[in-house]
Amino acid sequence: MPAFMRFGIVGGTGLVTDTIAFTVFFHLMGNPFIARLLSLAVATVVTWTLNRHLTFDIQERKLRQEA
């Protein structure tokens, strides 16, 4: 599968993750600002991880070097 398709799938997964996480956090806390911050953090970690493993070529760099 071409990289651009994998990137799109990962982006869609990030969108779904963000939406679900926001809904859960909002219902748990009732504060939309905090729920948004937390859902954004969760979606960022999910998309970064999936892009690193599925979209971009595996590199010899360690995680510490990518930050």
C-alpha atoms as a PDB file:
ATOM      1  CA  MET A   1       0.000   0.000   0.000  1.00  0.00           C
ATOM      2  CA  PRO A   2       1.416   3.443  -0.890  1.00  0.00           C
ATOM      3  CA  ALA A   3       2.623   5.680   1.929  1.00  0.00           C
ATOM      4  CA  PHE A   4       0.024   8.387   1.222  1.00  0.00           C
ATOM      5  CA  MET A   5      -2.788   5.871   1.722  1.00  0.00           C
ATOM      6  CA  ARG A   6      -1.277   4.659   4.992  1.00  0.00           C
ATOM      7  CA  PHE A   7      -0.896   8.291   6.081  1.00  0.00           C
ATOM      8  CA  GLY A   8      -4.589   8.908   5.309  1.00  0.00           C
ATOM      9  CA  ILE A   9      -5.670   5.831   7.238  1.00  0.00           C
ATOM     10  CA  VAL A  10      -3.573   6.903  10.208  1.00  0.00           C
ATOM     11  CA  GLY A  11      -5.078  10.412  10.018  1.00  0.00           C
ATOM     12  CA  GLY A  12      -8.590   8.979   9.975  1.00  0.00           C
ATOM     13  CA  THR A  13      -7.742   6.794  12.942  1.00  0.00           C
ATOM     14  CA  GLY A  14      -6.470   9.878  14.752  1.00  0.00           C
ATOM     15  CA  LEU A  15      -9.712  11.722  14.046  1.00  0.00           C
ATOM     16  CA  VAL A  16     -11.809   8.849  15.375  1.00  0.00           C
ATOM     17  CA  THR A  17      -9.533   8.538  18.426  1.00  0.00           C
ATOM     18  CA  ASP A  18      -9.831  12.273  19.122  1.00  0.00           C
ATOM     19  CA  THR A  19     -13.622  12.198  18.840  1.00  0.00           C
ATOM     20  CA  ILE A  20     -14.041   9.183  21.096  1.00  0.00           C
ATOM     21  CA  ALA A  21     -11.537  10.456  23.661  1.00  0.00           C
ATOM     22  CA  PHE A  22     -13.207  13.885  23.756  1.00  0.00           C
ATOM     23  CA  THR A  23     -16.608  12.324  24.290  1.00  0.00           C
ATOM     24  CA  VAL A  24     -15.354  10.086  27.088  1.00  0.00           C
ATOM     25  CA  PHE A  25     -13.383  12.832  28.843  1.00  0.00           C
ATOM     26  CA  PHE A  26     -16.233  15.318  28.508  1.00  0.00           C
ATOM     27  CA  HIS A  27     -18.710  12.892  30.062  1.00  0.00           C
ATOM     28  CA  LEU A  28     -16.279  12.059  32.860  1.00  0.00           C
ATOM     29  CA  MET A  29     -15.236  15.638  33.686  1.00  0.00           C
ATOM     30  CA  GLY A  30     -17.881  17.933  32.237  1.00  0.00           C
ATOM     31  CA  ASN A  31     -15.268  20.497  31.221  1.00  0.00           C
ATOM     32  CA  PRO A  32     -14.941  20.812  27.429  1.00  0.00           C
ATOM     33  CA  PHE A  33     -11.590  22.643  27.611  1.00  0.00           C
ATOM     34  CA  ILE A  34      -9.881  19.949  29.688  1.00  0.00           C
ATOM     35  CA  ALA A  35     -11.557  17.208  27.651  1.00  0.00           C
ATOM     36  CA  ARG A  36     -10.220  18.800  24.447  1.00  0.00           C
ATOM     37  CA  LEU A  37      -6.674  19.062  25.797  1.00  0.00           C
ATOM     38  CA  LEU A  38      -6.675  15.435  26.897  1.00  0.00           C
ATOM     39  CA  SER A  39      -8.261  14.125  23.703  1.00  0.00           C
ATOM     40  CA  LEU A  40      -5.740  16.063  21.613  1.00  0.00           C
ATOM     41  CA  ALA A  41      -2.883  14.559  23.607  1.00  0.00           C
ATOM     42  CA  VAL A  42      -4.250  11.030  23.187  1.00  0.00           C
ATOM     43  CA  ALA A  43      -4.834  11.473  19.443  1.00  0.00           C
ATOM     44  CA  THR A  44      -1.356  12.952  18.974  1.00  0.00           C
ATOM     45  CA  VAL A  45       0.292   9.968  20.639  1.00  0.00           C
ATOM     46  CA  VAL A  46      -1.816   7.520  18.624  1.00  0.00           C
ATOM     47  CA  THR A  47      -1.102   9.170  15.258  1.00  0.00           C
ATOM     48  CA  TRP A  48       2.603   9.646  16.008  1.00  0.00           C
ATOM     49  CA  THR A  49       2.966   6.000  16.988  1.00  0.00           C
ATOM     50  CA  LEU A  50       1.023   4.681  14.001  1.00  0.00           C
ATOM     51  CA  ASN A  51       2.861   6.953  11.557  1.00  0.00           C
ATOM     52  CA  ARG A  52       6.198   5.877  12.984  1.00  0.00           C
ATOM     53  CA  HIS A  53       5.396   2.195  12.598  1.00  0.00           C
ATOM     54  CA  LEU A  54       3.164   2.102   9.513  1.00  0.00           C
ATOM     55  CA  THR A  55       3.727   5.145   7.318  1.00  0.00           C
ATOM     56  CA  PHE A  56       7.352   6.135   7.399  1.00  0.00           C
ATOM     57  CA  ASP A  57      10.222   3.798   6.737  1.00  0.00           C
ATOM     58  CA  ILE A  58      11.738   2.292   9.818  1.00  0.00           C
ATOM     59  CA  GLN A  59      14.867   4.209  10.592  1.00  0.00           C
ATOM     60  CA  GLU A  60      17.884   3.368  12.651  1.00  0.00           C
ATOM     61  CA  ARG A  61      17.249   6.335  14.934  1.00  0.00           C
ATOM     62  CA  LYS A  62      16.180   5.759  18.496  1.00  0.00           C
ATOM     63  CA  LEU A  63      13.051   7.400  19.894  1.00  0.00           C
ATOM     64  CA  ARG A  64      15.195   9.797  21.908  1.00  0.00           C
ATOM     65  CA  GLN A  65      16.781  11.157  18.707  1.00  0.00           C
ATOM     66  CA  GLU A  66      13.408  11.874  17.093  1.00  0.00           C
ATOM     67  CA  ALA A  67      12.132  14.152  19.836  1.00  0.00           C
END
